Protein backbone atom coordinates (compact mmCIF):
# COMPACT_ATOMS: atom_id res chain seq x y z
CA MET A 1 6.02 -23.49 -5.61
CA GLU A 2 8.41 -22.42 -2.90
CA ARG A 3 11.25 -20.03 -3.70
CA HIS A 4 13.77 -22.03 -1.69
CA GLU A 5 13.33 -25.11 -3.86
CA GLY A 6 16.29 -25.94 -6.05
CA VAL A 7 16.21 -25.92 -9.81
CA LEU A 8 16.24 -29.71 -10.05
CA VAL A 9 13.23 -30.03 -7.71
CA ILE A 10 11.29 -27.60 -9.90
CA VAL A 11 12.33 -29.47 -13.05
CA ALA A 12 11.21 -32.76 -11.48
CA LYS A 13 7.80 -31.22 -10.81
CA PHE A 14 7.86 -29.77 -14.30
CA LEU A 15 8.52 -33.15 -15.91
CA SER A 16 5.90 -34.94 -13.79
CA GLU A 17 3.30 -32.32 -14.74
CA SER A 18 4.11 -32.73 -18.44
CA LEU A 19 2.64 -36.24 -18.28
CA ASP A 20 -0.75 -34.82 -17.27
CA THR A 21 -3.62 -36.41 -19.20
CA ASN A 22 -5.62 -33.22 -19.66
CA PRO A 23 -3.99 -31.43 -22.63
CA TYR A 24 -5.38 -28.02 -21.72
CA ALA A 25 -4.20 -28.25 -18.11
CA SER A 26 -0.82 -29.62 -19.10
CA ALA A 27 -0.09 -26.77 -21.50
CA ALA A 28 -1.02 -24.18 -18.88
CA THR A 29 0.91 -26.07 -16.23
CA MET A 30 3.95 -26.40 -18.48
CA ARG A 31 3.90 -22.66 -19.17
CA ALA A 32 3.66 -21.86 -15.47
CA LEU A 33 6.43 -24.27 -14.52
CA ASP A 34 8.56 -23.01 -17.39
CA GLN A 35 8.32 -19.56 -15.84
CA ALA A 36 9.22 -20.98 -12.42
CA VAL A 37 12.28 -22.75 -13.84
CA ARG A 38 13.46 -19.57 -15.56
CA ASN A 39 12.94 -17.46 -12.43
CA THR A 40 14.78 -19.97 -10.25
CA LEU A 41 17.61 -20.17 -12.77
CA SER A 42 17.87 -16.39 -12.82
CA GLY A 43 17.94 -16.23 -9.01
CA ASP A 44 20.64 -18.89 -8.78
CA LEU A 45 22.76 -17.13 -11.41
CA THR A 46 22.35 -13.83 -9.56
CA GLN A 47 23.54 -15.43 -6.31
CA LEU A 48 26.47 -17.03 -8.09
CA ALA A 49 27.37 -13.70 -9.69
CA SER A 50 27.38 -12.01 -6.29
CA ARG A 51 29.72 -14.67 -4.91
CA TRP A 52 32.13 -14.21 -7.85
CA ARG A 53 31.87 -10.43 -7.39
CA ALA A 54 32.83 -10.84 -3.73
CA LEU A 55 35.81 -12.96 -4.79
CA TYR A 56 36.76 -10.19 -7.23
CA GLN A 57 36.54 -7.60 -4.46
CA ASP A 58 38.72 -9.73 -2.16
CA THR A 59 41.32 -10.09 -4.91
CA SER A 60 41.19 -6.37 -5.65
CA ALA A 61 41.75 -5.61 -1.97
CA LYS A 62 44.99 -7.61 -2.11
CA ILE A 63 46.43 -5.33 -4.78
CA PRO A 64 48.75 -2.94 -2.92
CA LEU A 65 48.61 0.81 -3.38
CA PRO A 66 51.32 2.25 -5.61
CA SER A 67 54.42 3.40 -3.81
CA ARG A 68 57.70 4.92 -4.83
CA GLU A 69 59.39 1.51 -4.69
CA HIS A 70 56.56 -0.27 -6.52
CA PRO A 71 54.73 2.25 -8.71
CA PHE A 72 52.96 -0.45 -10.73
CA PRO A 73 50.76 -3.18 -9.25
CA ASP A 74 51.48 -6.87 -9.69
CA ARG A 75 50.36 -7.86 -13.19
CA GLY A 76 49.25 -11.32 -12.07
CA LEU A 77 46.88 -9.92 -9.44
CA LEU A 78 45.49 -7.39 -11.91
CA ASP A 79 44.83 -10.06 -14.53
CA GLN A 80 43.20 -12.31 -11.95
CA ALA A 81 40.96 -9.49 -10.73
CA LYS A 82 39.94 -8.62 -14.30
CA ALA A 83 39.10 -12.25 -15.05
CA LEU A 84 37.00 -12.56 -11.87
CA LYS A 85 35.13 -9.34 -12.68
CA ALA A 86 34.46 -10.55 -16.22
CA VAL A 87 32.96 -13.80 -14.88
CA ALA A 88 30.78 -11.94 -12.38
CA ASP A 89 29.56 -9.54 -15.07
CA GLN A 90 28.81 -12.36 -17.50
CA LEU A 91 26.89 -14.28 -14.82
CA SER A 92 24.81 -11.17 -14.09
CA GLN A 93 24.12 -10.81 -17.79
CA LEU A 94 23.06 -14.47 -18.05
CA ALA A 95 20.74 -14.00 -15.08
CA SER A 96 18.98 -11.09 -16.76
CA GLN A 97 18.78 -13.06 -20.03
CA ALA A 98 17.20 -16.01 -18.18
CA THR A 99 14.56 -13.70 -16.74
CA ALA A 100 13.80 -12.20 -20.15
CA LEU A 101 13.52 -15.48 -22.07
CA GLU A 102 10.36 -15.69 -24.11
CA ALA A 103 7.52 -18.04 -23.32
CA PRO A 104 5.30 -19.68 -25.93
CA SER A 105 2.13 -17.87 -26.81
CA ASN A 106 -1.17 -19.03 -25.36
CA ASP A 107 -3.11 -18.00 -28.46
CA ARG A 108 -5.38 -20.64 -30.02
CA VAL A 109 -4.59 -19.56 -33.58
CA TYR A 110 -0.86 -19.70 -32.80
CA ASN A 111 -1.33 -23.21 -31.38
CA ARG A 112 -2.98 -24.39 -34.60
CA ILE A 113 -0.23 -22.93 -36.82
CA ARG A 114 2.60 -24.43 -34.81
CA LYS A 115 2.76 -27.83 -33.22
CA ASN A 116 2.43 -26.54 -29.66
CA ASP A 117 2.79 -29.93 -27.94
CA VAL A 118 6.07 -30.60 -29.75
CA LEU A 119 7.23 -27.09 -28.93
CA LEU A 120 6.44 -27.49 -25.23
CA GLU A 121 8.20 -30.86 -25.10
CA THR A 122 11.29 -29.33 -26.72
CA LEU A 123 11.19 -26.46 -24.22
CA ILE A 124 11.00 -28.98 -21.37
CA GLU A 125 14.16 -30.62 -22.68
CA ILE A 126 15.96 -27.29 -23.00
CA ASP A 127 14.85 -26.26 -19.51
CA ARG A 128 16.06 -29.58 -18.14
CA ASN A 129 19.48 -28.98 -19.70
CA LEU A 130 19.50 -25.43 -18.31
CA ALA A 131 18.74 -26.82 -14.86
CA LEU A 132 21.46 -29.47 -15.08
CA THR A 133 24.02 -26.88 -16.14
CA ALA A 134 22.95 -24.61 -13.29
CA ARG A 135 23.31 -27.55 -10.92
CA GLN A 136 26.90 -28.08 -12.09
CA MET A 137 27.56 -24.41 -11.45
CA GLU A 138 26.05 -24.68 -7.96
CA GLU A 139 28.35 -27.61 -7.18
CA GLN A 140 31.35 -25.57 -8.32
CA ARG A 141 30.22 -22.74 -6.07
CA GLU A 142 31.43 -24.67 -3.03
CA SER A 143 35.05 -24.39 -4.17
CA LEU A 144 35.05 -20.89 -5.60
CA ASP A 145 38.50 -19.75 -6.61
CA ALA A 146 40.37 -18.47 -9.62
CA ASP A 147 41.23 -22.04 -10.67
CA ASN A 148 37.58 -22.74 -11.50
CA LEU A 149 37.47 -20.03 -14.15
CA LYS A 150 37.80 -22.49 -17.05
CA GLU A 151 34.99 -24.73 -15.77
CA ILE A 152 32.66 -21.83 -15.03
CA ARG A 153 33.31 -20.32 -18.47
CA THR A 154 32.51 -23.67 -20.11
CA ASN A 155 29.21 -23.82 -18.21
CA MET A 156 28.41 -20.20 -19.07
CA HIS A 157 28.98 -20.91 -22.78
CA GLN A 158 26.69 -23.92 -22.49
CA LEU A 159 24.00 -21.77 -20.83
CA GLU A 160 24.35 -19.16 -23.59
CA ALA A 161 24.00 -21.85 -26.25
CA LEU A 162 20.88 -23.30 -24.60
CA MET A 163 19.29 -19.86 -24.23
CA GLY A 164 20.12 -19.13 -27.87
CA GLU A 165 18.51 -22.40 -28.94
CA ARG A 166 15.43 -21.51 -26.92
CA ARG A 167 15.26 -18.02 -28.48
CA ARG A 168 15.63 -19.48 -31.96
CA LEU A 169 12.88 -22.01 -31.24
CA LEU A 170 10.46 -19.31 -30.11
CA ALA A 171 11.46 -16.76 -32.75
CA PRO A 172 8.48 -15.25 -34.52
CA ILE A 173 7.57 -16.74 -37.85
CA PRO A 174 8.79 -14.39 -40.64
């Protein structure tokens, strides 16, 4: 799998491999492609965070130094810079969370206790939704500005919810 492939290309491969007729190969393939989807998602979120951080730095550079006539900076620019920094920090945090997401165990006993095929199918659906949300964020990346803050925050909340659902699904049995 090439690193330059987009998330949707990897998900398409992921979904086509899930229809494999050999159940042992499909489970191993689904685990491997799940890892590839999570790594690609993390890389895309890291790149997006760096672009928002650059936008934050540009906005911060526009804030003038304090002078005798204007001892306090413009409140609007300060608020905008803080909001941009918060988005960049949250995207970086989501990228590290995507990297650290758990994968299902490959233990035979574990597979007998839990319905592993159902679990893997559910994970495929969650990963597909993660990829679609990341795709929306990539499309917004073309017109990066402070006006997109509401849309990017909505997508970040959706990513957090999907990652939380995935964590809950793979939580150890008490």
